[in-house]
Amino acid sequence: MEKRGLMERLEAEGIVCAEGYLFEMERRGYLTAGEFVPEVALEHPEALATLHRDFQHAGSDVVVAFTYNAHREKMRIIGKEDLLEPLNRAALHIARQVADTVPEGTEPNLLAGNISNSNIWHPDDTAA
């Protein structure tokens, strides 16, 4: 089946975009409370792929890369700032694989990145 873009889908019937990766990964025991950094993309990529497939099976049209809270400030707090880029790239890679792998006769999912809030940006501080 041919993959349609976002606007084409929105104009036709809309889209479903499942979220809640952070809390579901915590519930499944792959993430601990605190900084909530999604290290699961590096430590348990198969668990993250399974969650993406579960959301896909539930009807999500979009696979959202689990990069929420994977930013420099959070990574520095847990002493793993050096894993920032590998973590984000792994999360995107896993999401891409799942988005492109759908049951036969099913339209491929869209892929989206994910952003999170950050306390390091200040509009009056150009260095930040």
C-alpha atoms as a PDB file:
ATOM      1  CA  MET A   1       0.000   0.000   0.000  1.00  0.00           C
ATOM      2  CA  GLU A   2       1.283   3.466  -0.858  1.00  0.00           C
ATOM      3  CA  LYS A   3       2.261   5.765   1.996  1.00  0.00           C
ATOM      4  CA  ARG A   4       0.430   9.093   2.101  1.00  0.00           C
ATOM      5  CA  GLY A   5       1.870  12.205   3.716  1.00  0.00           C
ATOM      6  CA  LEU A   6       0.577  14.022   6.759  1.00  0.00           C
ATOM      7  CA  MET A   7      -1.501  16.656   4.969  1.00  0.00           C
ATOM      8  CA  GLU A   8      -3.066  14.114   2.642  1.00  0.00           C
ATOM      9  CA  ARG A   9      -4.124  11.978   5.621  1.00  0.00           C
ATOM     10  CA  LEU A  10      -5.416  14.951   7.575  1.00  0.00           C
ATOM     11  CA  GLU A  11      -7.547  16.087   4.654  1.00  0.00           C
ATOM     12  CA  ALA A  12      -8.931  12.574   4.093  1.00  0.00           C
ATOM     13  CA  GLU A  13      -9.785  11.208   7.519  1.00  0.00           C
ATOM     14  CA  GLY A  14      -7.376  12.554  10.124  1.00  0.00           C
ATOM     15  CA  ILE A  15      -4.697  10.699  12.021  1.00  0.00           C
ATOM     16  CA  VAL A  16      -4.222   9.012  15.372  1.00  0.00           C
ATOM     17  CA  CYS A  17      -0.960   9.688  17.169  1.00  0.00           C
ATOM     18  CA  ALA A  18      -0.466   7.604  20.306  1.00  0.00           C
ATOM     19  CA  GLU A  19       1.719   8.999  23.058  1.00  0.00           C
ATOM     20  CA  GLY A  20       2.596   8.131  26.615  1.00  0.00           C
ATOM     21  CA  TYR A  21       5.905   6.359  26.013  1.00  0.00           C
ATOM     22  CA  LEU A  22       7.522   7.706  29.152  1.00  0.00           C
ATOM     23  CA  PHE A  23       4.848   6.508  31.570  1.00  0.00           C
ATOM     24  CA  GLU A  24       4.346   3.199  29.787  1.00  0.00           C
ATOM     25  CA  MET A  25       8.073   2.428  29.794  1.00  0.00           C
ATOM     26  CA  GLU A  26       8.113   3.209  33.514  1.00  0.00           C
ATOM     27  CA  ARG A  27       5.076   0.970  34.085  1.00  0.00           C
ATOM     28  CA  ARG A  28       6.807  -1.861  32.213  1.00  0.00           C
ATOM     29  CA  GLY A  29       9.909  -1.467  34.372  1.00  0.00           C
ATOM     30  CA  TYR A  30      12.303  -0.055  31.751  1.00  0.00           C
ATOM     31  CA  LEU A  31      12.504   3.481  33.077  1.00  0.00           C
ATOM     32  CA  THR A  32      12.774   4.770  36.621  1.00  0.00           C
ATOM     33  CA  ALA A  33      11.229   7.832  38.190  1.00  0.00           C
ATOM     34  CA  GLY A  34      13.503  10.799  38.570  1.00  0.00           C
ATOM     35  CA  GLU A  35      15.057  12.314  35.489  1.00  0.00           C
ATOM     36  CA  PHE A  36      13.026  10.074  33.150  1.00  0.00           C
ATOM     37  CA  VAL A  37      15.755   9.877  30.508  1.00  0.00           C
ATOM     38  CA  PRO A  38      14.764   7.350  27.793  1.00  0.00           C
ATOM     39  CA  GLU A  39      17.892   5.195  28.019  1.00  0.00           C
ATOM     40  CA  VAL A  40      15.695   2.269  27.020  1.00  0.00           C
ATOM     41  CA  ALA A  41      16.536   3.118  23.394  1.00  0.00           C
ATOM     42  CA  LEU A  42      20.120   2.024  24.105  1.00  0.00           C
ATOM     43  CA  GLU A  43      19.680  -0.488  26.923  1.00  0.00           C
ATOM     44  CA  HIS A  44      16.545  -2.351  25.788  1.00  0.00           C
ATOM     45  CA  PRO A  45      15.830  -1.445  22.148  1.00  0.00           C
ATOM     46  CA  GLU A  46      13.620  -4.526  21.723  1.00  0.00           C
ATOM     47  CA  ALA A  47      11.331  -3.316  24.544  1.00  0.00           C
ATOM     48  CA  LEU A  48      10.993   0.090  22.890  1.00  0.00           C
ATOM     49  CA  ALA A  49      10.243  -1.515  19.508  1.00  0.00           C
ATOM     50  CA  THR A  50       7.580  -3.657  21.204  1.00  0.00           C
ATOM     51  CA  LEU A  51       5.932  -0.577  22.692  1.00  0.00           C
ATOM     52  CA  HIS A  52       5.929   1.135  19.292  1.00  0.00           C
ATOM     53  CA  ARG A  53       4.294  -1.972  17.783  1.00  0.00           C
ATOM     54  CA  ASP A  54       1.733  -2.063  20.597  1.00  0.00           C
ATOM     55  CA  PHE A  55       0.751   1.541  19.847  1.00  0.00           C
ATOM     56  CA  GLN A  56       0.759   0.745  16.135  1.00  0.00           C
ATOM     57  CA  HIS A  57      -1.527  -2.252  16.749  1.00  0.00           C
ATOM     58  CA  ALA A  58      -3.841  -0.025  18.808  1.00  0.00           C
ATOM     59  CA  GLY A  59      -4.333   2.181  15.742  1.00  0.00           C
ATOM     60  CA  SER A  60      -1.687   4.869  15.880  1.00  0.00           C
ATOM     61  CA  ASP A  61      -0.885   6.230  12.423  1.00  0.00           C
ATOM     62  CA  VAL A  62       2.316   7.835  13.692  1.00  0.00           C
ATOM     63  CA  VAL A  63       5.332   6.279  15.381  1.00  0.00           C
ATOM     64  CA  VAL A  64       6.851   8.917  17.637  1.00  0.00           C
ATOM     65  CA  ALA A  65      10.553   8.482  18.340  1.00  0.00           C
ATOM     66  CA  PHE A  66      11.019   8.190  22.088  1.00  0.00           C
ATOM     67  CA  THR A  67      13.418  11.078  22.542  1.00  0.00           C
ATOM     68  CA  TYR A  68      11.425  12.929  25.198  1.00  0.00           C
ATOM     69  CA  ASN A  69      13.816  14.178  27.900  1.00  0.00           C
ATOM     70  CA  ALA A  70      16.857  13.090  25.872  1.00  0.00           C
ATOM     71  CA  HIS A  71      18.446  16.511  25.930  1.00  0.00           C
ATOM     72  CA  ARG A  72      21.753  17.831  27.189  1.00  0.00           C
ATOM     73  CA  GLU A  73      20.481  19.142  30.530  1.00  0.00           C
ATOM     74  CA  LYS A  74      18.848  15.859  31.587  1.00  0.00           C
ATOM     75  CA  MET A  75      21.742  13.751  30.310  1.00  0.00           C
ATOM     76  CA  ARG A  76      24.261  15.897  32.201  1.00  0.00           C
ATOM     77  CA  ILE A  77      22.340  15.435  35.478  1.00  0.00           C
ATOM     78  CA  ILE A  78      22.719  11.654  35.269  1.00  0.00           C
ATOM     79  CA  GLY A  79      26.344  11.852  34.090  1.00  0.00           C
ATOM     80  CA  LYS A  80      25.633  10.556  30.595  1.00  0.00           C
ATOM     81  CA  GLU A  81      25.844  13.624  28.402  1.00  0.00           C
ATOM     82  CA  ASP A  82      28.134  11.677  26.058  1.00  0.00           C
ATOM     83  CA  LEU A  83      25.192   9.393  25.210  1.00  0.00           C
ATOM     84  CA  LEU A  84      22.982  12.235  23.990  1.00  0.00           C
ATOM     85  CA  GLU A  85      23.505  11.753  20.263  1.00  0.00           C
ATOM     86  CA  PRO A  86      23.667   7.918  20.307  1.00  0.00           C
ATOM     87  CA  LEU A  87      20.464   7.781  22.367  1.00  0.00           C
ATOM     88  CA  ASN A  88      18.549  10.087  20.032  1.00  0.00           C
ATOM     89  CA  ARG A  89      19.838   8.323  16.918  1.00  0.00           C
ATOM     90  CA  ALA A  90      18.917   4.906  18.356  1.00  0.00           C
ATOM     91  CA  ALA A  91      15.408   6.112  19.210  1.00  0.00           C
ATOM     92  CA  LEU A  92      14.921   7.467  15.692  1.00  0.00           C
ATOM     93  CA  HIS A  93      16.281   4.273  14.128  1.00  0.00           C
ATOM     94  CA  ILE A  94      13.944   2.053  16.167  1.00  0.00           C
ATOM     95  CA  ALA A  95      10.941   4.248  15.383  1.00  0.00           C
ATOM     96  CA  ARG A  96      11.783   4.246  11.654  1.00  0.00           C
ATOM     97  CA  GLN A  97      12.039   0.447  11.575  1.00  0.00           C
ATOM     98  CA  VAL A  98       8.644   0.035  13.239  1.00  0.00           C
ATOM     99  CA  ALA A  99       6.977   2.751  11.141  1.00  0.00           C
ATOM    100  CA  ASP A 100       8.100   1.021   7.957  1.00  0.00           C
ATOM    101  CA  THR A 101       7.159  -2.485   9.126  1.00  0.00           C
ATOM    102  CA  VAL A 102       3.403  -2.847   9.120  1.00  0.00           C
ATOM    103  CA  PRO A 103       1.098  -5.792   8.454  1.00  0.00           C
ATOM    104  CA  GLU A 104       0.607  -6.589   4.777  1.00  0.00           C
ATOM    105  CA  GLY A 105      -2.037  -4.416   3.161  1.00  0.00           C
ATOM    106  CA  THR A 106      -1.608  -1.724   5.813  1.00  0.00           C
ATOM    107  CA  GLU A 107      -0.388   1.767   5.051  1.00  0.00           C
ATOM    108  CA  PRO A 108       3.082   2.473   6.505  1.00  0.00           C
ATOM    109  CA  ASN A 109       3.067   4.722   9.554  1.00  0.00           C
ATOM    110  CA  LEU A 110       4.321   8.260   9.600  1.00  0.00           C
ATOM    111  CA  LEU A 111       7.397   8.949  11.721  1.00  0.00           C
ATOM    112  CA  ALA A 112       7.710  11.893  14.081  1.00  0.00           C
ATOM    113  CA  GLY A 113      10.454  13.175  16.295  1.00  0.00           C
ATOM    114  CA  ASN A 114       9.704  14.162  19.847  1.00  0.00           C
ATOM    115  CA  ILE A 115      10.757  17.211  21.796  1.00  0.00           C
ATOM    116  CA  SER A 116      10.600  18.026  25.472  1.00  0.00           C
ATOM    117  CA  ASN A 117      10.721  21.058  27.639  1.00  0.00           C
ATOM    118  CA  SER A 118      14.089  22.378  28.714  1.00  0.00           C
ATOM    119  CA  ASN A 119      15.020  24.801  31.427  1.00  0.00           C
ATOM    120  CA  ILE A 120      18.305  25.839  29.809  1.00  0.00           C
ATOM    121  CA  TRP A 121      16.903  28.252  27.219  1.00  0.00           C
ATOM    122  CA  HIS A 122      16.347  31.804  28.397  1.00  0.00           C
ATOM    123  CA  PRO A 123      15.202  34.428  25.875  1.00  0.00           C
ATOM    124  CA  ASP A 124      17.437  37.111  27.396  1.00  0.00           C
ATOM    125  CA  ASP A 125      20.557  34.906  27.611  1.00  0.00           C
ATOM    126  CA  THR A 126      22.137  34.464  24.186  1.00  0.00           C
ATOM    127  CA  ALA A 127      24.743  32.055  25.596  1.00  0.00           C
ATOM    128  CA  ALA A 128      22.006  29.670  26.774  1.00  0.00           C
END
